[in-house]
């Protein structure tokens, strides 16, 4: 008899996962599609290495199952490489997120990348203004930095004043 811990939880069913294609299916698909073949070749150039079987399957999954066009996947790879995060799990995770957000065209990918760049610049500016140690921000910190600097266009003086008032009132920095 199976233990109760091994039984699936009916209240919280496991999310449906699309199985990754195996090597034979991958080879068949690449031979059938010039666009897919070009995607795999360009991916190797962008990443500067041969693709692992896992990454190749992941790229095929993003292309076939999640519907991302080849040019969008290549833009994603360039972004991941520029961030130093060009591992399979990061690429797949960001690709799935982009598919969920409807980033399915070159124009939408450019908009997304522009927004990501603006958010990164806003965080770096906030770090400099407030003397925050060099580190990766939390998602909430990124949202604050982006809103204050990019969306609302707060001046450096206003941000410093808010920081000083926060320190005076609470004794610590709290975004």
Protein backbone atom coordinates (compact mmCIF):
# COMPACT_ATOMS: atom_id res chain seq x y z
CA UNK A 1 0.00 0.00 0.00
CA UNK A 2 1.24 3.45 -0.83
CA UNK A 3 1.81 5.86 2.00
CA UNK A 4 -0.48 8.88 2.25
CA UNK A 5 2.49 11.18 1.53
CA UNK A 6 3.00 9.49 -1.82
CA UNK A 7 -0.60 10.08 -2.96
CA UNK A 8 -1.18 13.17 -5.07
CA UNK A 9 -2.90 16.05 -3.31
CA UNK A 10 -6.29 16.53 -4.95
CA UNK A 11 -6.59 20.06 -3.55
CA UNK A 12 -3.31 21.08 -5.22
CA UNK A 13 -2.87 19.09 -8.41
CA UNK A 14 0.61 19.11 -9.88
CA UNK A 15 0.98 21.57 -12.75
CA UNK A 16 0.90 19.96 -16.17
CA UNK A 17 4.39 19.77 -17.57
CA UNK A 18 5.18 19.44 -21.21
CA UNK A 19 7.70 16.62 -21.57
CA UNK A 20 10.96 17.59 -23.24
CA UNK A 21 11.53 16.04 -26.64
CA UNK A 22 14.09 13.26 -26.85
CA UNK A 23 17.15 13.23 -29.11
CA UNK A 24 15.52 11.28 -31.93
CA UNK A 25 12.54 13.61 -32.13
CA UNK A 26 14.87 16.63 -31.92
CA UNK A 27 16.99 15.37 -34.83
CA UNK A 28 13.87 14.67 -36.89
CA UNK A 29 12.43 18.14 -36.23
CA UNK A 30 15.72 19.90 -37.03
CA UNK A 31 16.00 17.97 -40.32
CA UNK A 32 12.40 18.91 -41.22
CA UNK A 33 12.64 22.63 -40.46
CA UNK A 34 15.20 25.00 -41.91
CA UNK A 35 14.10 27.65 -39.42
CA UNK A 36 14.71 25.30 -36.51
CA UNK A 37 18.06 24.23 -37.95
CA UNK A 38 19.10 27.89 -38.22
CA UNK A 39 17.90 28.52 -34.66
CA UNK A 40 20.12 25.75 -33.29
CA UNK A 41 23.14 26.95 -35.29
CA UNK A 42 22.68 30.58 -34.25
CA UNK A 43 22.15 29.55 -30.64
CA UNK A 44 25.59 27.92 -30.64
CA UNK A 45 27.14 31.09 -32.08
CA UNK A 46 25.44 33.34 -29.51
CA UNK A 47 26.34 31.13 -26.57
CA UNK A 48 29.82 30.38 -27.88
CA UNK A 49 29.57 26.66 -27.30
CA UNK A 50 27.94 23.48 -28.55
CA UNK A 51 24.40 23.03 -27.29
CA UNK A 52 23.82 20.34 -24.71
CA UNK A 53 21.05 17.83 -25.41
CA UNK A 54 19.01 19.41 -22.61
CA UNK A 55 19.33 22.93 -23.99
CA UNK A 56 18.59 21.76 -27.53
CA UNK A 57 15.43 20.06 -26.30
CA UNK A 58 14.52 23.13 -24.29
CA UNK A 59 14.88 25.40 -27.33
CA UNK A 60 12.75 23.03 -29.38
CA UNK A 61 10.14 23.03 -26.64
CA UNK A 62 10.07 26.86 -26.58
CA UNK A 63 9.72 26.87 -30.38
CA UNK A 64 7.20 24.04 -30.87
CA UNK A 65 5.22 23.87 -27.64
CA UNK A 66 5.31 27.46 -26.37
CA UNK A 67 5.14 29.05 -29.82
CA UNK A 68 8.07 31.42 -29.51
CA UNK A 69 9.41 32.43 -32.94
CA UNK A 70 13.07 31.68 -33.67
CA UNK A 71 14.06 35.37 -33.70
CA UNK A 72 12.49 35.90 -30.26
CA UNK A 73 14.34 32.87 -28.88
CA UNK A 74 17.61 34.24 -30.30
CA UNK A 75 16.94 37.59 -28.64
CA UNK A 76 16.28 35.75 -25.38
CA UNK A 77 19.59 33.90 -25.75
CA UNK A 78 21.47 37.16 -26.35
CA UNK A 79 19.86 38.66 -23.26
CA UNK A 80 20.66 35.60 -21.12
CA UNK A 81 24.26 35.61 -22.35
CA UNK A 82 24.66 39.33 -21.62
CA UNK A 83 23.42 38.76 -18.07
CA UNK A 84 25.78 35.80 -17.54
CA UNK A 85 22.76 33.55 -17.04
CA UNK A 86 22.96 31.36 -20.14
CA UNK A 87 22.19 28.06 -18.43
CA UNK A 88 19.38 25.78 -19.59
CA UNK A 89 17.03 26.29 -16.65
CA UNK A 90 17.23 30.10 -16.82
CA UNK A 91 16.68 30.16 -20.59
CA UNK A 92 13.69 27.82 -20.33
CA UNK A 93 12.22 29.73 -17.40
CA UNK A 94 12.50 33.12 -19.10
CA UNK A 95 11.23 31.64 -22.39
CA UNK A 96 8.13 30.22 -20.70
CA UNK A 97 7.56 33.53 -18.95
CA UNK A 98 7.84 35.42 -22.24
CA UNK A 99 5.37 33.01 -23.85
CA UNK A 100 2.94 33.56 -20.95
CA UNK A 101 3.33 37.34 -21.38
CA UNK A 102 2.58 37.08 -25.10
CA UNK A 103 6.05 38.12 -26.20
CA UNK A 104 5.72 36.42 -29.56
CA UNK A 105 7.13 38.97 -31.98
CA UNK A 106 10.39 40.78 -32.59
CA UNK A 107 8.77 44.09 -31.62
CA UNK A 108 7.38 42.77 -28.33
CA UNK A 109 10.74 41.19 -27.49
CA UNK A 110 12.48 44.52 -28.18
CA UNK A 111 10.00 46.28 -25.88
CA UNK A 112 10.55 43.69 -23.15
CA UNK A 113 14.34 43.94 -23.44
CA UNK A 114 14.18 47.75 -23.38
CA UNK A 115 12.08 47.60 -20.21
CA UNK A 116 14.49 45.12 -18.60
CA UNK A 117 17.42 47.41 -19.44
CA UNK A 118 15.58 50.44 -18.02
CA UNK A 119 14.84 48.52 -14.82
CA UNK A 120 18.48 47.45 -14.45
CA UNK A 121 19.68 51.03 -14.99
CA UNK A 122 17.14 52.34 -12.47
CA UNK A 123 18.36 49.84 -9.86
CA UNK A 124 22.01 50.78 -10.45
CA UNK A 125 21.14 54.47 -10.08
CA UNK A 126 19.28 53.77 -6.83
CA UNK A 127 22.24 51.74 -5.54
CA UNK A 128 24.57 54.64 -6.23
CA UNK A 129 22.24 57.28 -4.74
CA UNK A 130 21.59 55.35 -1.54
CA UNK A 131 24.93 53.59 -1.14
CA UNK A 132 23.39 50.13 -1.45
CA UNK A 133 25.98 47.35 -1.77
CA UNK A 134 26.45 45.85 -5.22
CA UNK A 135 24.05 42.94 -5.30
CA UNK A 136 21.12 41.64 -7.26
CA UNK A 137 17.87 43.31 -6.24
CA UNK A 138 14.75 41.49 -5.17
CA UNK A 139 11.80 41.68 -7.52
CA UNK A 140 10.16 44.24 -5.22
CA UNK A 141 13.31 46.39 -5.11
CA UNK A 142 13.42 46.33 -8.91
CA UNK A 143 9.78 47.40 -9.04
CA UNK A 144 10.38 50.31 -6.66
CA UNK A 145 13.48 51.49 -8.54
CA UNK A 146 11.72 51.26 -11.88
CA UNK A 147 8.63 53.12 -10.67
CA UNK A 148 10.55 55.90 -8.92
CA UNK A 149 13.16 56.52 -11.60
CA UNK A 150 11.70 55.38 -14.92
CA UNK A 151 7.96 55.84 -14.50
CA UNK A 152 7.62 58.73 -12.05
CA UNK A 153 10.97 60.39 -12.90
CA UNK A 154 11.83 61.26 -9.29
CA UNK A 155 14.89 63.48 -9.00
CA UNK A 156 18.03 62.40 -7.16
CA UNK A 157 17.32 65.05 -4.53
CA UNK A 158 13.79 63.72 -3.92
CA UNK A 159 15.01 60.13 -3.58
CA UNK A 160 17.78 61.18 -1.15
CA UNK A 161 15.25 63.21 0.90
CA UNK A 162 12.86 60.25 1.09
CA UNK A 163 15.78 58.03 2.13
CA UNK A 164 16.85 60.48 4.86
CA UNK A 165 13.29 60.80 6.19
CA UNK A 166 12.95 57.03 6.30
CA UNK A 167 16.22 56.66 8.22
CA UNK A 168 15.20 59.42 10.64
CA UNK A 169 11.77 57.88 11.23
CA UNK A 170 12.67 54.17 11.38
CA UNK A 171 16.42 54.02 11.96
CA UNK A 172 16.90 51.87 8.87
CA UNK A 173 16.55 51.93 5.14
CA UNK A 174 13.27 50.57 3.93
CA UNK A 175 12.27 51.02 0.30
